[in-house]
Amino acid sequence: MVLPEGVRARQDAVNGMLKVHSYHNFRPETAYLSVTHLDRFLCTYDLSGKEWSLHLLSEPCE
């Protein structure tokens, strides 16, 4: 199944965040809050055609 570009970009951002959380042995709650914060932002702003910006947005959450 081929995912839309925005979905794939979010998936890549979340995977990167989870790798950082695992590397630093953060608590599971921290990962949950990071992903929730990113999702709230994505629900508020339309980033259609700007999938590259998800990488920049996920950096502070990592």
PDB file of N, CA and C in Angstrom:
ATOM      1  N   MET A   1       0.837  -1.180   0.000  1.00  0.00           N
ATOM      2  CA  MET A   1       0.000   0.000   0.000  1.00  0.00           C
ATOM      3  C   MET A   1       0.884   1.246   0.000  1.00  0.00           C
ATOM      4  N   VAL A   2       0.552   2.180  -0.840  1.00  0.00           N
ATOM      5  CA  VAL A   2       1.306   3.428  -0.939  1.00  0.00           C
ATOM      6  C   VAL A   2       0.619   4.479  -0.076  1.00  0.00           C
ATOM      7  N   LEU A   3       1.387   5.053   0.833  1.00  0.00           N
ATOM      8  CA  LEU A   3       0.852   6.073   1.737  1.00  0.00           C
ATOM      9  C   LEU A   3       0.983   7.454   1.109  1.00  0.00           C
ATOM     10  N   PRO A   4       0.043   8.349   1.402  1.00  0.00           N
ATOM     11  CA  PRO A   4       0.193   9.735   0.951  1.00  0.00           C
ATOM     12  C   PRO A   4       1.468  10.345   1.530  1.00  0.00           C
ATOM     13  N   GLU A   5       2.008  11.322   0.825  1.00  0.00           N
ATOM     14  CA  GLU A   5       3.282  11.936   1.228  1.00  0.00           C
ATOM     15  C   GLU A   5       3.237  12.491   2.650  1.00  0.00           C
ATOM     16  N   GLY A   6       2.139  13.135   3.025  1.00  0.00           N
ATOM     17  CA  GLY A   6       2.025  13.705   4.371  1.00  0.00           C
ATOM     18  C   GLY A   6       2.026  12.650   5.456  1.00  0.00           C
ATOM     19  N   VAL A   7       1.366  11.523   5.182  1.00  0.00           N
ATOM     20  CA  VAL A   7       1.319  10.432   6.161  1.00  0.00           C
ATOM     21  C   VAL A   7       2.703   9.818   6.310  1.00  0.00           C
ATOM     22  N   ARG A   8       3.374   9.626   5.193  1.00  0.00           N
ATOM     23  CA  ARG A   8       4.719   9.051   5.241  1.00  0.00           C
ATOM     24  C   ARG A   8       5.691   9.988   5.960  1.00  0.00           C
ATOM     25  N   ALA A   9       5.553  11.283   5.730  1.00  0.00           N
ATOM     26  CA  ALA A   9       6.433  12.258   6.388  1.00  0.00           C
ATOM     27  C   ALA A   9       6.207  12.252   7.898  1.00  0.00           C
ATOM     28  N   ARG A  10       4.937  12.161   8.336  1.00  0.00           N
ATOM     29  CA  ARG A  10       4.646  12.096   9.767  1.00  0.00           C
ATOM     30  C   ARG A  10       5.213  10.820  10.361  1.00  0.00           C
ATOM     31  N   GLN A  11       5.056   9.718   9.637  1.00  0.00           N
ATOM     32  CA  GLN A  11       5.564   8.431  10.108  1.00  0.00           C
ATOM     33  C   GLN A  11       7.083   8.491  10.276  1.00  0.00           C
ATOM     34  N   ASP A  12       7.768   9.081   9.323  1.00  0.00           N
ATOM     35  CA  ASP A  12       9.224   9.224   9.426  1.00  0.00           C
ATOM     36  C   ASP A  12       9.612  10.107  10.614  1.00  0.00           C
ATOM     37  N   ALA A  13       8.863  11.187  10.831  1.00  0.00           N
ATOM     38  CA  ALA A  13       9.154  12.083  11.956  1.00  0.00           C
ATOM     39  C   ALA A  13       8.957  11.367  13.284  1.00  0.00           C
ATOM     40  N   VAL A  14       7.865  10.616  13.404  1.00  0.00           N
ATOM     41  CA  VAL A  14       7.596   9.887  14.650  1.00  0.00           C
ATOM     42  C   VAL A  14       8.646   8.807  14.867  1.00  0.00           C
ATOM     43  N   ASN A  15       9.030   8.101  13.818  1.00  0.00           N
ATOM     44  CA  ASN A  15      10.074   7.077  13.958  1.00  0.00           C
ATOM     45  C   ASN A  15      11.383   7.698  14.441  1.00  0.00           C
ATOM     46  N   GLY A  16      11.737   8.856  13.912  1.00  0.00           N
ATOM     47  CA  GLY A  16      12.944   9.544  14.369  1.00  0.00           C
ATOM     48  C   GLY A  16      12.852   9.950  15.826  1.00  0.00           C
ATOM     49  N   MET A  17      11.693  10.443  16.227  1.00  0.00           N
ATOM     50  CA  MET A  17      11.489  10.827  17.622  1.00  0.00           C
ATOM     51  C   MET A  17      11.619   9.619  18.539  1.00  0.00           C
ATOM     52  N   LEU A  18      11.052   8.486  18.135  1.00  0.00           N
ATOM     53  CA  LEU A  18      11.114   7.283  18.966  1.00  0.00           C
ATOM     54  C   LEU A  18      12.538   6.734  19.069  1.00  0.00           C
ATOM     55  N   LYS A  19      13.328   6.873  18.010  1.00  0.00           N
ATOM     56  CA  LYS A  19      14.727   6.440  18.065  1.00  0.00           C
ATOM     57  C   LYS A  19      15.502   7.261  19.095  1.00  0.00           C
ATOM     58  N   VAL A  20      15.280   8.568  19.087  1.00  0.00           N
ATOM     59  CA  VAL A  20      15.964   9.444  20.042  1.00  0.00           C
ATOM     60  C   VAL A  20      15.525   9.117  21.465  1.00  0.00           C
ATOM     61  N   HIS A  21      14.231   8.898  21.660  1.00  0.00           N
ATOM     62  CA  HIS A  21      13.731   8.557  22.992  1.00  0.00           C
ATOM     63  C   HIS A  21      14.340   7.247  23.482  1.00  0.00           C
ATOM     64  N   SER A  22      14.454   6.289  22.592  1.00  0.00           N
ATOM     65  CA  SER A  22      15.034   5.001  22.962  1.00  0.00           C
ATOM     66  C   SER A  22      16.521   5.151  23.300  1.00  0.00           C
ATOM     67  N   TYR A  23      17.239   5.920  22.498  1.00  0.00           N
ATOM     68  CA  TYR A  23      18.672   6.112  22.703  1.00  0.00           C
ATOM     69  C   TYR A  23      18.956   6.744  24.068  1.00  0.00           C
ATOM     70  N   HIS A  24      18.136   7.711  24.457  1.00  0.00           N
ATOM     71  CA  HIS A  24      18.351   8.429  25.716  1.00  0.00           C
ATOM     72  C   HIS A  24      17.613   7.807  26.899  1.00  0.00           C
ATOM     73  N   ASN A  25      16.947   6.687  26.661  1.00  0.00           N
ATOM     74  CA  ASN A  25      16.203   5.982  27.714  1.00  0.00           C
ATOM     75  C   ASN A  25      15.193   6.880  28.428  1.00  0.00           C
ATOM     76  N   PHE A  26      14.499   7.713  27.643  1.00  0.00           N
ATOM     77  CA  PHE A  26      13.443   8.536  28.218  1.00  0.00           C
ATOM     78  C   PHE A  26      12.264   7.660  28.601  1.00  0.00           C
ATOM     79  N   ARG A  27      11.434   8.166  29.465  1.00  0.00           N
ATOM     80  CA  ARG A  27      10.242   7.436  29.891  1.00  0.00           C
ATOM     81  C   ARG A  27       9.233   7.373  28.744  1.00  0.00           C
ATOM     82  N   PRO A  28       8.392   6.339  28.719  1.00  0.00           N
ATOM     83  CA  PRO A  28       7.379   6.217  27.659  1.00  0.00           C
ATOM     84  C   PRO A  28       6.445   7.427  27.584  1.00  0.00           C
ATOM     85  N   GLU A  29       6.178   8.048  28.727  1.00  0.00           N
ATOM     86  CA  GLU A  29       5.301   9.213  28.737  1.00  0.00           C
ATOM     87  C   GLU A  29       5.880  10.358  27.907  1.00  0.00           C
ATOM     88  N   THR A  30       7.192  10.463  27.892  1.00  0.00           N
ATOM     89  CA  THR A  30       7.842  11.520  27.130  1.00  0.00           C
ATOM     90  C   THR A  30       7.624  11.318  25.638  1.00  0.00           C
ATOM     91  N   ALA A  31       7.740  10.086  25.182  1.00  0.00           N
ATOM     92  CA  ALA A  31       7.489   9.787  23.768  1.00  0.00           C
ATOM     93  C   ALA A  31       6.038  10.082  23.415  1.00  0.00           C
ATOM     94  N   TYR A  32       5.131   9.675  24.279  1.00  0.00           N
ATOM     95  CA  TYR A  32       3.708   9.919  24.044  1.00  0.00           C
ATOM     96  C   TYR A  32       3.423  11.417  23.933  1.00  0.00           C
ATOM     97  N   LEU A  33       3.972  12.192  24.851  1.00  0.00           N
ATOM     98  CA  LEU A  33       3.742  13.637  24.836  1.00  0.00           C
ATOM     99  C   LEU A  33       4.352  14.299  23.603  1.00  0.00           C
ATOM    100  N   SER A  34       5.507  13.819  23.167  1.00  0.00           N
ATOM    101  CA  SER A  34       6.144  14.383  21.977  1.00  0.00           C
ATOM    102  C   SER A  34       5.292  14.159  20.736  1.00  0.00           C
ATOM    103  N   VAL A  35       4.795  12.934  20.574  1.00  0.00           N
ATOM    104  CA  VAL A  35       3.965  12.617  19.411  1.00  0.00           C
ATOM    105  C   VAL A  35       2.639  13.375  19.485  1.00  0.00           C
ATOM    106  N   THR A  36       2.062  13.467  20.673  1.00  0.00           N
ATOM    107  CA  THR A  36       0.810  14.202  20.841  1.00  0.00           C
ATOM    108  C   THR A  36       0.990  15.675  20.494  1.00  0.00           C
ATOM    109  N   HIS A  37       2.098  16.251  20.930  1.00  0.00           N
ATOM    110  CA  HIS A  37       2.387  17.657  20.635  1.00  0.00           C
ATOM    111  C   HIS A  37       2.517  17.860  19.123  1.00  0.00           C
ATOM    112  N   LEU A  38       3.219  16.979  18.449  1.00  0.00           N
ATOM    113  CA  LEU A  38       3.367  17.068  16.997  1.00  0.00           C
ATOM    114  C   LEU A  38       2.009  16.938  16.310  1.00  0.00           C
ATOM    115  N   ASP A  39       1.195  15.986  16.736  1.00  0.00           N
ATOM    116  CA  ASP A  39      -0.121  15.783  16.121  1.00  0.00           C
ATOM    117  C   ASP A  39      -1.039  16.986  16.327  1.00  0.00           C
ATOM    118  N   ARG A  40      -0.974  17.600  17.487  1.00  0.00           N
ATOM    119  CA  ARG A  40      -1.791  18.800  17.725  1.00  0.00           C
ATOM    120  C   ARG A  40      -1.388  19.922  16.781  1.00  0.00           C
ATOM    121  N   PHE A  41      -0.106  20.059  16.577  1.00  0.00           N
ATOM    122  CA  PHE A  41       0.370  21.079  15.642  1.00  0.00           C
ATOM    123  C   PHE A  41      -0.129  20.777  14.239  1.00  0.00           C
ATOM    124  N   LEU A  42      -0.043  19.515  13.830  1.00  0.00           N
ATOM    125  CA  LEU A  42      -0.465  19.136  12.483  1.00  0.00           C
ATOM    126  C   LEU A  42      -1.965  19.308  12.277  1.00  0.00           C
ATOM    127  N   CYS A  43      -2.742  19.181  13.335  1.00  0.00           N
ATOM    128  CA  CYS A  43      -4.190  19.403  13.237  1.00  0.00           C
ATOM    129  C   CYS A  43      -4.520  20.887  13.108  1.00  0.00           C
ATOM    130  N   THR A  44      -3.627  21.734  13.570  1.00  0.00           N
ATOM    131  CA  THR A  44      -3.875  23.170  13.560  1.00  0.00           C
ATOM    132  C   THR A  44      -3.415  23.831  12.264  1.00  0.00           C
ATOM    133  N   TYR A  45      -2.302  23.374  11.707  1.00  0.00           N
ATOM    134  CA  TYR A  45      -1.714  24.010  10.533  1.00  0.00           C
ATOM    135  C   TYR A  45      -1.706  23.056   9.347  1.00  0.00           C
ATOM    136  N   ASP A  46      -1.968  23.610   8.167  1.00  0.00           N
ATOM    137  CA  ASP A  46      -1.952  22.827   6.934  1.00  0.00           C
ATOM    138  C   ASP A  46      -0.545  22.874   6.336  1.00  0.00           C
ATOM    139  N   LEU A  47       0.082  21.725   6.270  1.00  0.00           N
ATOM    140  CA  LEU A  47       1.438  21.648   5.719  1.00  0.00           C
ATOM    141  C   LEU A  47       1.457  20.926   4.380  1.00  0.00           C
ATOM    142  N   SER A  48       0.339  20.917   3.683  1.00  0.00           N
ATOM    143  CA  SER A  48       0.272  20.247   2.384  1.00  0.00           C
ATOM    144  C   SER A  48       1.335  20.824   1.455  1.00  0.00           C
ATOM    145  N   GLY A  49       2.109  19.947   0.864  1.00  0.00           N
ATOM    146  CA  GLY A  49       3.183  20.370  -0.022  1.00  0.00           C
ATOM    147  C   GLY A  49       4.444  20.796   0.709  1.00  0.00           C
ATOM    148  N   LYS A  50       4.424  20.773   2.026  1.00  0.00           N
ATOM    149  CA  LYS A  50       5.591  21.178   2.819  1.00  0.00           C
ATOM    150  C   LYS A  50       5.995  20.049   3.757  1.00  0.00           C
ATOM    151  N   GLU A  51       5.957  18.828   3.238  1.00  0.00           N
ATOM    152  CA  GLU A  51       6.260  17.676   4.077  1.00  0.00           C
ATOM    153  C   GLU A  51       7.669  17.730   4.655  1.00  0.00           C
ATOM    154  N   TRP A  52       8.578  18.410   3.975  1.00  0.00           N
ATOM    155  CA  TRP A  52       9.949  18.547   4.460  1.00  0.00           C
ATOM    156  C   TRP A  52       9.984  19.246   5.814  1.00  0.00           C
ATOM    157  N   SER A  53       8.981  20.093   6.075  1.00  0.00           N
ATOM    158  CA  SER A  53       8.981  20.843   7.329  1.00  0.00           C
ATOM    159  C   SER A  53       8.698  19.958   8.541  1.00  0.00           C
ATOM    160  N   LEU A  54       8.135  18.771   8.327  1.00  0.00           N
ATOM    161  CA  LEU A  54       7.892  17.861   9.452  1.00  0.00           C
ATOM    162  C   LEU A  54       9.194  17.459  10.123  1.00  0.00           C
ATOM    163  N   HIS A  55      10.248  17.320   9.343  1.00  0.00           N
ATOM    164  CA  HIS A  55      11.553  16.989   9.935  1.00  0.00           C
ATOM    165  C   HIS A  55      11.994  18.105  10.877  1.00  0.00           C
ATOM    166  N   LEU A  56      11.827  19.342  10.440  1.00  0.00           N
ATOM    167  CA  LEU A  56      12.202  20.477  11.286  1.00  0.00           C
ATOM    168  C   LEU A  56      11.319  20.563  12.523  1.00  0.00           C
ATOM    169  N   LEU A  57      10.027  20.272  12.364  1.00  0.00           N
ATOM    170  CA  LEU A  57       9.103  20.340  13.495  1.00  0.00           C
ATOM    171  C   LEU A  57       9.367  19.252  14.521  1.00  0.00           C
ATOM    172  N   SER A  58       9.827  18.103  14.070  1.00  0.00           N
ATOM    173  CA  SER A  58      10.037  16.995  15.005  1.00  0.00           C
ATOM    174  C   SER A  58      11.321  17.160  15.819  1.00  0.00           C
ATOM    175  N   GLU A  59      12.245  17.981  15.365  1.00  0.00           N
ATOM    176  CA  GLU A  59      13.512  18.163  16.076  1.00  0.00           C
ATOM    177  C   GLU A  59      13.324  18.633  17.520  1.00  0.00           C
ATOM    178  N   PRO A  60      12.516  19.663  17.785  1.00  0.00           N
ATOM    179  CA  PRO A  60      12.345  20.079  19.188  1.00  0.00           C
ATOM    180  C   PRO A  60      11.674  19.011  20.044  1.00  0.00           C
ATOM    181  N   CYS A  61      10.895  18.137  19.422  1.00  0.00           N
ATOM    182  CA  CYS A  61      10.210  17.083  20.175  1.00  0.00           C
ATOM    183  C   CYS A  61      11.157  15.936  20.506  1.00  0.00           C
ATOM    184  N   GLU A  62      12.308  15.893  19.839  1.00  0.00           N
ATOM    185  CA  GLU A  62      13.230  14.770  20.046  1.00  0.00           C
ATOM    186  C   GLU A  62      14.117  14.988  21.233  1.00  0.00           C
TER     187      GLU A  62
END
